[in-house]
Structures are given as C-alpha cells and as structure tokens.
Amino acid sequence: MSNFIKTIAVLFFMVFGFAAQAATWTVNNTACSNTDITPSADACFGFVDGNLYGQNGPDVNTDTFGTQTGLFGYTDWSFVQGDGNYGGGQTGFFDVVANSYTMIAVMLKGSTEWAAYRIDGGFSGRLDFAMGNGHGLSNYLVVGRMADVPLPASALLLLGGLGAFGAVRARRKA
C-alpha cells in the first residue's frame, strides 16, 4: 500500500506540480494596426513587451493573449517559418511560404516589443511591413492553422450500418 501511495504522489507532482504556467500577454501603450502589413491583416494584437524566441517567448497555443487563450482565440497553431536574427529596418519585406494553411499569424518584433497580425484565408508571397512601434524589425515568426477536416457523412452511415448488423446478430443469438 505504501508504494502505491508513493507512486500516486509522484504521478500527481509530475502532472500538476511541474506543469508550466501559461503566460498572459497584455497590450502596452503602443497599438498595432491592421495596415502595418501588406496584405492588410484581418486582426492584430499588440504591441506587447517581450521576446518572440527562447524561454520567455509566447506559446501561441496555451498562453493568454488579452482575454483569449491561444493567439486570436485559436489553440491549434503550427510553426511555418521564422527568422530569429532578421536585423532589418523599420520597413521592409520577406517572403511567406504557407500554401497549405487556411489562416496565418505573422508575429513581428522590433526592439523590446512584438505584435501579431492574423491573415484569414491563408497567404503565400511577399509580405511588406512597416513597424508600428517605430523600431526596426529584429525577428519574426509565422504560424498557421490547417483547415478542419470534416467527418464525411458516409462514415456516419457506415457506423450506423455496422450497429444495425450488430443488433441483428445479438437478436439471433438470444
């Protein structure tokens, strides 16, 4: 019994005691604009004090951004591309390759602040930027969301048919 309790205690602390605390990101005094990038964003969040990369960077799927869990309220983002050492000016461009994504978020960092811009419908091509916080772009990160795959109606019909066969078989045995 004693080993059982120790095992439960160890599992409890592994699951709950060492779980990383999700960060909360709050917009500072500098506001982003949907027109900071071309093509224009459908939404933006920022500017926020902090890093994009490393230990103190945002987790786009688990952190809280304003009042929403996950960047723009979504928790299924995947890494697309990024440059942790861009070192550009206040305006410029880079190419985005995100053909298979239905939505992307472009996160731009200048000085000690970053902002995120959401582009619905996906995007691949040249992305122009003008840093809204007045600093040069130091690094960027692009994340994307894949399209939800609907369950085909035929799968539901197949499950219904298998259930009916099971019911008939159970009735014959009785």
N, C-alpha and C. Protein backbone atom coordinates (compact mmCIF):
# COMPACT_ATOMS: atom_id res chain seq x y z
N MET A 1 0.82 -1.19 0.00
CA MET A 1 0.00 0.00 0.00
C MET A 1 0.87 1.25 0.00
N SER A 2 1.95 1.22 0.71
CA SER A 2 2.84 2.38 0.82
C SER A 2 3.44 2.74 -0.54
N ASN A 3 3.87 1.73 -1.31
CA ASN A 3 4.43 2.01 -2.64
C ASN A 3 3.37 2.57 -3.58
N PHE A 4 2.14 2.11 -3.42
CA PHE A 4 1.05 2.61 -4.25
C PHE A 4 0.83 4.11 -4.00
N ILE A 5 0.82 4.52 -2.74
CA ILE A 5 0.63 5.93 -2.39
C ILE A 5 1.79 6.76 -2.92
N LYS A 6 3.02 6.26 -2.79
CA LYS A 6 4.19 6.98 -3.31
C LYS A 6 4.09 7.15 -4.82
N THR A 7 3.67 6.10 -5.51
CA THR A 7 3.52 6.16 -6.96
C THR A 7 2.49 7.20 -7.36
N ILE A 8 1.35 7.21 -6.67
CA ILE A 8 0.31 8.20 -6.95
C ILE A 8 0.83 9.61 -6.70
N ALA A 9 1.57 9.80 -5.60
CA ALA A 9 2.11 11.12 -5.27
C ALA A 9 3.09 11.59 -6.34
N VAL A 10 3.96 10.69 -6.80
CA VAL A 10 4.92 11.05 -7.83
C VAL A 10 4.20 11.42 -9.12
N LEU A 11 3.20 10.64 -9.52
CA LEU A 11 2.44 10.94 -10.73
C LEU A 11 1.71 12.27 -10.59
N PHE A 12 1.15 12.55 -9.42
CA PHE A 12 0.45 13.81 -9.20
C PHE A 12 1.40 14.99 -9.39
N PHE A 13 2.58 14.93 -8.80
CA PHE A 13 3.52 16.04 -8.93
C PHE A 13 4.09 16.16 -10.33
N MET A 14 4.22 15.03 -11.03
CA MET A 14 4.69 15.10 -12.42
C MET A 14 3.67 15.79 -13.30
N VAL A 15 2.39 15.50 -13.07
CA VAL A 15 1.34 16.07 -13.91
C VAL A 15 1.02 17.50 -13.51
N PHE A 16 0.85 17.73 -12.21
CA PHE A 16 0.37 19.04 -11.76
C PHE A 16 1.48 19.93 -11.19
N GLY A 17 2.44 19.35 -10.55
CA GLY A 17 3.47 20.14 -9.88
C GLY A 17 4.48 20.75 -10.82
N PHE A 18 4.76 20.11 -11.93
CA PHE A 18 5.78 20.60 -12.84
C PHE A 18 5.20 21.18 -14.12
N ALA A 19 3.88 21.32 -14.19
CA ALA A 19 3.25 21.88 -15.38
C ALA A 19 3.65 23.34 -15.53
N ALA A 20 3.99 23.73 -16.73
CA ALA A 20 4.39 25.11 -16.97
C ALA A 20 3.19 26.03 -16.84
N GLN A 21 3.42 27.16 -16.23
CA GLN A 21 2.36 28.15 -16.06
C GLN A 21 2.24 28.93 -17.36
N ALA A 22 1.03 28.98 -17.91
CA ALA A 22 0.81 29.74 -19.14
C ALA A 22 0.93 31.23 -18.84
N ALA A 23 1.57 31.94 -19.73
CA ALA A 23 1.76 33.37 -19.56
C ALA A 23 0.55 34.14 -20.05
N THR A 24 0.37 35.34 -19.54
CA THR A 24 -0.66 36.26 -20.01
C THR A 24 0.03 37.45 -20.63
N TRP A 25 -0.32 37.74 -21.89
CA TRP A 25 0.28 38.85 -22.63
C TRP A 25 -0.74 39.98 -22.72
N THR A 26 -0.30 41.18 -22.37
CA THR A 26 -1.17 42.34 -22.35
C THR A 26 -0.59 43.42 -23.24
N VAL A 27 -1.46 44.06 -24.02
CA VAL A 27 -1.03 45.13 -24.93
C VAL A 27 -0.55 46.32 -24.11
N ASN A 28 0.60 46.88 -24.51
CA ASN A 28 1.12 48.06 -23.82
C ASN A 28 0.53 49.33 -24.44
N ASN A 29 1.19 50.44 -24.29
CA ASN A 29 0.66 51.73 -24.75
C ASN A 29 0.68 51.92 -26.26
N THR A 30 1.46 51.13 -26.98
CA THR A 30 1.56 51.26 -28.44
C THR A 30 0.62 50.25 -29.08
N ALA A 31 -0.32 50.72 -29.87
CA ALA A 31 -1.29 49.82 -30.51
C ALA A 31 -0.85 49.49 -31.93
N CYS A 32 -1.09 48.26 -32.35
CA CYS A 32 -0.81 47.86 -33.73
C CYS A 32 -1.99 48.27 -34.61
N SER A 33 -1.78 48.18 -35.91
CA SER A 33 -2.83 48.48 -36.88
C SER A 33 -2.86 47.38 -37.93
N ASN A 34 -4.04 47.04 -38.41
CA ASN A 34 -4.16 46.01 -39.45
C ASN A 34 -3.39 46.39 -40.71
N THR A 35 -3.11 47.66 -40.89
CA THR A 35 -2.40 48.12 -42.09
C THR A 35 -0.89 48.24 -41.88
N ASP A 36 -0.37 47.73 -40.76
CA ASP A 36 1.07 47.69 -40.55
C ASP A 36 1.74 46.73 -41.53
N ILE A 37 0.96 45.80 -42.10
CA ILE A 37 1.50 44.84 -43.06
C ILE A 37 0.67 44.89 -44.34
N THR A 38 1.29 44.45 -45.43
CA THR A 38 0.62 44.32 -46.72
C THR A 38 0.87 42.90 -47.22
N PRO A 39 -0.16 42.09 -47.44
CA PRO A 39 -1.57 42.45 -47.43
C PRO A 39 -2.04 42.80 -46.03
N SER A 40 -3.10 43.61 -45.94
CA SER A 40 -3.63 44.05 -44.65
C SER A 40 -4.10 42.85 -43.84
N ALA A 41 -3.92 42.96 -42.55
CA ALA A 41 -4.33 41.89 -41.64
C ALA A 41 -5.83 41.97 -41.38
N ASP A 42 -6.42 40.84 -41.02
CA ASP A 42 -7.82 40.80 -40.62
C ASP A 42 -7.97 41.15 -39.15
N ALA A 43 -6.89 41.02 -38.38
CA ALA A 43 -6.89 41.39 -36.96
C ALA A 43 -5.44 41.54 -36.52
N CYS A 44 -5.22 42.31 -35.44
CA CYS A 44 -3.88 42.40 -34.89
C CYS A 44 -3.96 42.43 -33.37
N PHE A 45 -2.85 42.03 -32.74
CA PHE A 45 -2.74 42.03 -31.29
C PHE A 45 -1.37 42.56 -30.93
N GLY A 46 -1.31 43.63 -30.19
CA GLY A 46 -0.03 44.18 -29.77
C GLY A 46 -0.07 45.68 -29.82
N PHE A 47 0.99 46.24 -29.48
CA PHE A 47 2.32 45.74 -29.21
C PHE A 47 2.44 45.27 -27.75
N VAL A 48 3.30 44.27 -27.54
CA VAL A 48 3.48 43.63 -26.25
C VAL A 48 4.96 43.62 -25.93
N ASP A 49 5.31 43.89 -24.68
CA ASP A 49 6.71 43.82 -24.26
C ASP A 49 7.10 42.36 -24.13
N GLY A 50 8.24 41.97 -24.71
CA GLY A 50 8.72 40.61 -24.57
C GLY A 50 9.44 40.12 -25.81
N ASN A 51 9.86 38.87 -25.76
CA ASN A 51 10.59 38.22 -26.85
C ASN A 51 9.67 37.30 -27.63
N LEU A 52 10.06 37.02 -28.87
CA LEU A 52 9.34 36.02 -29.67
C LEU A 52 9.98 34.65 -29.53
N TYR A 53 11.28 34.61 -29.34
CA TYR A 53 12.02 33.35 -29.30
C TYR A 53 12.56 33.09 -27.91
N GLY A 54 12.86 31.84 -27.64
CA GLY A 54 13.51 31.47 -26.39
C GLY A 54 12.53 31.17 -25.27
N GLN A 55 13.09 31.07 -24.08
CA GLN A 55 12.34 30.67 -22.91
C GLN A 55 11.20 31.62 -22.58
N ASN A 56 11.38 32.90 -22.83
CA ASN A 56 10.38 33.89 -22.46
C ASN A 56 9.45 34.26 -23.60
N GLY A 57 9.52 33.54 -24.70
CA GLY A 57 8.65 33.82 -25.83
C GLY A 57 7.26 33.28 -25.62
N PRO A 58 6.31 33.76 -26.39
CA PRO A 58 4.93 33.30 -26.23
C PRO A 58 4.70 31.88 -26.75
N ASP A 59 3.83 31.16 -26.09
CA ASP A 59 3.35 29.88 -26.60
C ASP A 59 1.99 30.18 -27.22
N VAL A 60 1.93 30.20 -28.54
CA VAL A 60 0.72 30.66 -29.25
C VAL A 60 -0.50 29.78 -29.00
N ASN A 61 -0.29 28.57 -28.48
CA ASN A 61 -1.41 27.66 -28.26
C ASN A 61 -1.92 27.64 -26.83
N THR A 62 -1.08 27.95 -25.83
CA THR A 62 -1.52 27.83 -24.44
C THR A 62 -1.53 29.14 -23.67
N ASP A 63 -0.79 30.14 -24.10
CA ASP A 63 -0.76 31.40 -23.37
C ASP A 63 -2.06 32.17 -23.58
N THR A 64 -2.28 33.15 -22.71
CA THR A 64 -3.45 34.02 -22.80
C THR A 64 -3.03 35.33 -23.44
N PHE A 65 -3.75 35.72 -24.49
CA PHE A 65 -3.46 36.95 -25.22
C PHE A 65 -4.65 37.89 -24.99
N GLY A 66 -4.45 38.89 -24.12
CA GLY A 66 -5.56 39.73 -23.69
C GLY A 66 -6.45 38.90 -22.79
N THR A 67 -7.62 38.51 -23.29
CA THR A 67 -8.54 37.68 -22.52
C THR A 67 -8.77 36.32 -23.17
N GLN A 68 -8.09 36.03 -24.29
CA GLN A 68 -8.33 34.79 -25.02
C GLN A 68 -7.17 33.81 -24.85
N THR A 69 -7.50 32.55 -24.62
CA THR A 69 -6.48 31.51 -24.60
C THR A 69 -6.13 31.18 -26.04
N GLY A 70 -4.84 31.16 -26.33
CA GLY A 70 -4.37 30.94 -27.70
C GLY A 70 -4.39 32.23 -28.49
N LEU A 71 -3.43 32.36 -29.38
CA LEU A 71 -3.32 33.57 -30.20
C LEU A 71 -4.58 33.74 -31.03
N PHE A 72 -5.24 34.87 -30.92
CA PHE A 72 -6.51 35.19 -31.59
C PHE A 72 -7.62 34.20 -31.24
N GLY A 73 -7.49 33.52 -30.10
CA GLY A 73 -8.53 32.59 -29.65
C GLY A 73 -8.43 31.19 -30.24
N TYR A 74 -7.34 30.88 -30.93
CA TYR A 74 -7.15 29.55 -31.52
C TYR A 74 -6.00 28.84 -30.82
N THR A 75 -6.13 27.54 -30.64
CA THR A 75 -5.12 26.77 -29.91
C THR A 75 -4.52 25.64 -30.74
N ASP A 76 -4.58 25.79 -32.07
CA ASP A 76 -4.05 24.73 -32.94
C ASP A 76 -3.08 25.30 -33.98
N TRP A 77 -2.26 26.26 -33.58
CA TRP A 77 -1.27 26.85 -34.48
C TRP A 77 -0.09 25.92 -34.66
N SER A 78 0.51 25.94 -35.85
CA SER A 78 1.73 25.19 -36.15
C SER A 78 2.78 26.16 -36.68
N PHE A 79 4.04 25.86 -36.38
CA PHE A 79 5.14 26.68 -36.88
C PHE A 79 5.20 26.60 -38.40
N VAL A 80 5.35 27.75 -39.06
CA VAL A 80 5.50 27.80 -40.51
C VAL A 80 6.93 28.20 -40.86
N GLN A 81 7.36 29.36 -40.38
CA GLN A 81 8.71 29.82 -40.64
C GLN A 81 9.03 30.95 -39.68
N GLY A 82 10.30 31.31 -39.62
CA GLY A 82 10.70 32.41 -38.77
C GLY A 82 12.16 32.74 -38.97
N ASP A 83 12.55 33.89 -38.47
CA ASP A 83 13.94 34.33 -38.50
C ASP A 83 14.21 35.03 -37.18
N GLY A 84 15.00 34.40 -36.34
CA GLY A 84 15.31 34.94 -35.02
C GLY A 84 16.39 35.99 -35.03
N ASN A 85 16.93 36.30 -36.21
CA ASN A 85 18.01 37.28 -36.29
C ASN A 85 17.86 38.09 -37.58
N TYR A 86 16.70 38.67 -37.81
CA TYR A 86 16.41 39.35 -39.07
C TYR A 86 17.24 40.62 -39.23
N GLY A 87 17.23 41.47 -38.22
CA GLY A 87 18.07 42.67 -38.23
C GLY A 87 17.75 43.63 -39.36
N GLY A 88 16.47 43.92 -39.60
CA GLY A 88 16.09 44.80 -40.69
C GLY A 88 15.73 46.19 -40.22
N GLY A 89 15.20 46.97 -41.12
CA GLY A 89 14.82 48.33 -40.82
C GLY A 89 13.39 48.43 -40.35
N GLN A 90 12.91 49.67 -40.24
CA GLN A 90 11.55 49.90 -39.79
C GLN A 90 10.53 49.47 -40.85
N THR A 91 10.93 49.49 -42.11
CA THR A 91 10.09 48.97 -43.19
C THR A 91 10.89 47.95 -43.98
N GLY A 92 10.19 47.05 -44.65
CA GLY A 92 10.87 46.03 -45.44
C GLY A 92 9.89 44.96 -45.87
N PHE A 93 10.43 43.81 -46.23
CA PHE A 93 9.58 42.69 -46.65
C PHE A 93 10.33 41.39 -46.46
N PHE A 94 9.57 40.31 -46.46
CA PHE A 94 10.11 38.95 -46.53
C PHE A 94 9.06 38.09 -47.19
N ASP A 95 9.47 36.93 -47.70
CA ASP A 95 8.55 36.02 -48.38
C ASP A 95 7.98 35.02 -47.39
N VAL A 96 6.69 34.80 -47.49
CA VAL A 96 5.99 33.82 -46.66
C VAL A 96 5.59 32.65 -47.55
N VAL A 97 5.91 31.44 -47.12
CA VAL A 97 5.52 30.24 -47.85
C VAL A 97 4.62 29.43 -46.93
N ALA A 98 3.31 29.57 -47.13
CA ALA A 98 2.33 28.92 -46.26
C ALA A 98 1.14 28.44 -47.09
N ASN A 99 1.42 27.71 -48.16
CA ASN A 99 0.38 27.31 -49.12
C ASN A 99 -0.74 26.48 -48.52
N SER A 100 -0.44 25.60 -47.59
CA SER A 100 -1.46 24.66 -47.12
C SER A 100 -2.22 25.14 -45.89
N TYR A 101 -2.02 26.37 -45.49
CA TYR A 101 -2.68 26.90 -44.29
C TYR A 101 -3.87 27.77 -44.67
N THR A 102 -4.96 27.67 -43.90
CA THR A 102 -6.14 28.48 -44.17
C THR A 102 -6.13 29.79 -43.41
N MET A 103 -5.23 29.91 -42.46
CA MET A 103 -5.07 31.15 -41.69
C MET A 103 -3.63 31.19 -41.20
N ILE A 104 -3.02 32.38 -41.25
CA ILE A 104 -1.68 32.51 -40.69
C ILE A 104 -1.66 33.69 -39.73
N ALA A 105 -0.69 33.66 -38.83
CA ALA A 105 -0.42 34.79 -37.94
C ALA A 105 1.05 35.13 -38.10
N VAL A 106 1.31 36.39 -38.39
CA VAL A 106 2.68 36.89 -38.56
C VAL A 106 3.00 37.70 -37.32
N MET A 107 4.06 37.31 -36.63
CA MET A 107 4.46 37.99 -35.40
C MET A 107 5.77 38.74 -35.69
N LEU A 108 5.75 40.05 -35.49
CA LEU A 108 6.89 40.91 -35.79
C LEU A 108 7.40 41.53 -34.50
N LYS A 109 8.74 41.50 -34.31
CA LYS A 109 9.34 42.08 -33.11
C LYS A 109 10.30 43.18 -33.51
N GLY A 110 10.13 44.33 -32.87
CA GLY A 110 11.04 45.45 -33.03
C GLY A 110 11.43 45.97 -31.67
N SER A 111 12.72 46.07 -31.39
CA SER A 111 13.22 46.49 -30.09
C SER A 111 12.75 45.50 -29.03
N THR A 112 12.02 45.94 -28.03
CA THR A 112 11.57 45.05 -26.95
C THR A 112 10.09 44.72 -27.06
N GLU A 113 9.47 45.01 -28.21
CA GLU A 113 8.03 44.81 -28.36
C GLU A 113 7.72 43.97 -29.59
N TRP A 114 6.63 43.22 -29.51
CA TRP A 114 6.17 42.46 -30.66
C TRP A 114 4.66 42.64 -30.84
N ALA A 115 4.22 42.37 -32.06
CA ALA A 115 2.79 42.39 -32.39
C ALA A 115 2.50 41.21 -33.31
N ALA A 116 1.25 40.76 -33.28
CA ALA A 116 0.82 39.64 -34.12
C ALA A 116 -0.28 40.11 -35.05
N TYR A 117 -0.23 39.64 -36.30
CA TYR A 117 -1.20 40.03 -37.33
C TYR A 117 -1.80 38.76 -37.92
N ARG A 118 -3.13 38.67 -37.94
CA ARG A 118 -3.82 37.49 -38.47
C ARG A 118 -4.28 37.76 -39.89
N ILE A 119 -3.97 36.81 -40.79
CA ILE A 119 -4.43 36.88 -42.17
C ILE A 119 -5.31 35.66 -42.42
N ASP A 120 -6.62 35.91 -42.61
CA ASP A 120 -7.57 34.82 -42.87
C ASP A 120 -7.48 34.41 -44.33
N GLY A 121 -7.79 33.16 -44.61
CA GLY A 121 -7.77 32.67 -45.97
C GLY A 121 -6.40 32.21 -46.42
N GLY A 122 -5.42 32.24 -45.53
CA GLY A 122 -4.07 31.82 -45.88
C GLY A 122 -3.37 32.85 -46.75
N PHE A 123 -2.07 32.67 -46.90
CA PHE A 123 -1.30 33.62 -47.69
C PHE A 123 0.06 33.02 -47.98
N SER A 124 0.52 33.19 -49.19
CA SER A 124 1.90 32.90 -49.58
C SER A 124 2.33 34.00 -50.53
N GLY A 125 3.53 34.49 -50.34
CA GLY A 125 4.05 35.54 -51.19
C GLY A 125 4.81 36.58 -50.40
N ARG A 126 4.98 37.73 -50.99
CA ARG A 126 5.74 38.82 -50.37
C ARG A 126 4.88 39.52 -49.32
N LEU A 127 5.42 39.65 -48.11
CA LEU A 127 4.74 40.35 -47.04
C LEU A 127 5.56 41.61 -46.72
N ASP A 128 4.96 42.76 -46.96
CA ASP A 128 5.60 44.04 -46.64
C ASP A 128 5.19 44.47 -45.25
N PHE A 129 6.09 45.11 -44.52
CA PHE A 129 5.77 45.56 -43.18
C PHE A 129 6.29 46.97 -42.94
N ALA A 130 5.61 47.66 -42.06
CA ALA A 130 6.05 48.96 -41.53
C ALA A 130 5.82 48.87 -40.03
N MET A 131 6.90 48.76 -39.28
CA MET A 131 6.79 48.55 -37.84
C MET A 131 6.05 49.71 -37.19
N GLY A 132 4.91 49.40 -36.58
CA GLY A 132 4.06 50.42 -35.97
C GLY A 132 4.59 50.96 -34.67
N ASN A 133 5.67 50.36 -34.13
CA ASN A 133 6.21 50.85 -32.87
C ASN A 133 7.43 51.76 -33.08
N GLY A 134 7.76 52.05 -34.34
CA GLY A 134 8.86 52.97 -34.63
C GLY A 134 10.25 52.38 -34.55
N HIS A 135 10.38 51.07 -34.42
CA HIS A 135 11.69 50.42 -34.33
C HIS A 135 11.89 49.49 -35.53
N GLY A 136 13.13 49.13 -35.80
CA GLY A 136 13.43 48.20 -36.87
C GLY A 136 13.06 46.78 -36.49
N LEU A 137 12.72 45.99 -37.50
CA LEU A 137 12.36 44.59 -37.28
C LEU A 137 13.60 43.80 -36.87
N SER A 138 13.55 43.16 -35.71
CA SER A 138 14.69 42.36 -35.26
C SER A 138 14.46 40.87 -35.52
N ASN A 139 13.23 40.39 -35.42
CA ASN A 139 12.93 39.00 -35.78
C ASN A 139 11.44 38.84 -36.02
N TYR A 140 11.10 37.74 -36.68
CA TYR A 140 9.70 37.46 -36.97
C TYR A 140 9.42 35.97 -36.86
N LEU A 141 8.13 35.67 -36.72
CA LEU A 141 7.67 34.30 -36.59
C LEU A 141 6.34 34.19 -37.32
N VAL A 142 6.16 33.13 -38.10
CA VAL A 142 4.90 32.90 -38.81
C VAL A 142 4.36 31.55 -38.36
N VAL A 143 3.11 31.54 -37.92
CA VAL A 143 2.43 30.30 -37.53
C VAL A 143 1.17 30.18 -38.38
N GLY A 144 0.67 28.96 -38.56
CA GLY A 144 -0.50 28.76 -39.40
C GLY A 144 -1.47 27.75 -38.81
N ARG A 145 -2.69 27.81 -39.32
CA ARG A 145 -3.74 26.86 -38.96
C ARG A 145 -4.18 26.11 -40.21
N MET A 146 -4.29 24.81 -40.10
CA MET A 146 -4.79 23.98 -41.20
C MET A 146 -6.31 23.99 -41.18
N ALA A 147 -6.90 23.66 -42.30
CA ALA A 147 -8.35 23.56 -42.39
C ALA A 147 -8.83 22.39 -41.55
N ASP A 148 -9.97 22.57 -40.88
CA ASP A 148 -10.58 21.47 -40.17
C ASP A 148 -11.06 20.45 -41.18
N VAL A 149 -10.82 19.18 -40.91
CA VAL A 149 -11.22 18.12 -41.82
C VAL A 149 -12.57 17.58 -41.35
N PRO A 150 -13.63 17.80 -42.14
CA PRO A 150 -14.95 17.33 -41.70
C PRO A 150 -15.07 15.82 -41.80
N LEU A 151 -15.86 15.25 -40.90
CA LEU A 151 -16.13 13.83 -40.94
C LEU A 151 -17.16 13.59 -42.04
N PRO A 152 -16.82 12.79 -43.04
CA PRO A 152 -17.77 12.57 -44.13
C PRO A 152 -19.04 11.88 -43.65
N ALA A 153 -20.14 12.21 -44.29
CA ALA A 153 -21.44 11.61 -43.95
C ALA A 153 -21.40 10.10 -44.16
N SER A 154 -20.62 9.64 -45.13
CA SER A 154 -20.56 8.20 -45.39
C SER A 154 -20.00 7.44 -44.19
N ALA A 155 -19.10 8.06 -43.42
CA ALA A 155 -18.56 7.39 -42.24
C ALA A 155 -19.66 7.18 -41.20
N LEU A 156 -20.54 8.15 -41.05
CA LEU A 156 -21.66 8.00 -40.12
C LEU A 156 -22.62 6.90 -40.59
N LEU A 157 -22.86 6.85 -41.90
CA LEU A 157 -23.72 5.78 -42.43
C LEU A 157 -23.09 4.41 -42.22
N LEU A 158 -21.78 4.32 -42.40
CA LEU A 158 -21.08 3.07 -42.18
C LEU A 158 -21.21 2.63 -40.73
N LEU A 159 -21.01 3.54 -39.80
CA LEU A 159 -21.14 3.20 -38.39
C LEU A 159 -22.57 2.77 -38.06
N GLY A 160 -23.56 3.46 -38.63
CA GLY A 160 -24.96 3.07 -38.41
C GLY A 160 -25.24 1.67 -38.94
N GLY A 161 -24.72 1.35 -40.12
CA GLY A 161 -24.91 0.02 -40.71
C GLY A 161 -24.26 -1.07 -39.88
N LEU A 162 -23.05 -0.82 -39.40
CA LEU A 162 -22.37 -1.81 -38.54
C LEU A 162 -23.14 -2.02 -37.25
N GLY A 163 -23.70 -0.94 -36.70
CA GLY A 163 -24.51 -1.05 -35.48
C GLY A 163 -25.75 -1.89 -35.72
N ALA A 164 -26.38 -1.71 -36.88
CA ALA A 164 -27.57 -2.49 -37.22
C ALA A 164 -27.23 -3.98 -37.36
N PHE A 165 -26.09 -4.27 -38.02
CA PHE A 165 -25.67 -5.68 -38.13
C PHE A 165 -25.41 -6.28 -36.76
N GLY A 166 -24.81 -5.51 -35.87
CA GLY A 166 -24.55 -5.98 -34.51
C GLY A 166 -25.84 -6.26 -33.77
N ALA A 167 -26.83 -5.41 -33.93
CA ALA A 167 -28.12 -5.59 -33.26
C ALA A 167 -28.82 -6.85 -33.78
N VAL A 168 -28.79 -7.05 -35.11
CA VAL A 168 -29.42 -8.25 -35.70
C VAL A 168 -28.71 -9.50 -35.19
N ARG A 169 -27.40 -9.47 -35.15
CA ARG A 169 -26.63 -10.64 -34.70
C ARG A 169 -26.93 -10.94 -33.24
N ALA A 170 -27.02 -9.92 -32.41
CA ALA A 170 -27.31 -10.12 -30.98
C ALA A 170 -28.72 -10.67 -30.81
N ARG A 171 -29.64 -10.25 -31.65
CA ARG A 171 -31.02 -10.72 -31.56
C ARG A 171 -31.11 -12.19 -31.95
N ARG A 172 -30.33 -12.61 -32.96
CA ARG A 172 -30.36 -14.02 -33.41
C ARG A 172 -29.79 -14.94 -32.35
N LYS A 173 -28.78 -14.46 -31.59
CA LYS A 173 -28.19 -15.29 -30.53
C LYS A 173 -29.15 -15.47 -29.37
N ALA A 174 -30.03 -14.54 -29.16
CA ALA A 174 -30.94 -14.58 -27.99
C ALA A 174 -32.09 -15.52 -28.18
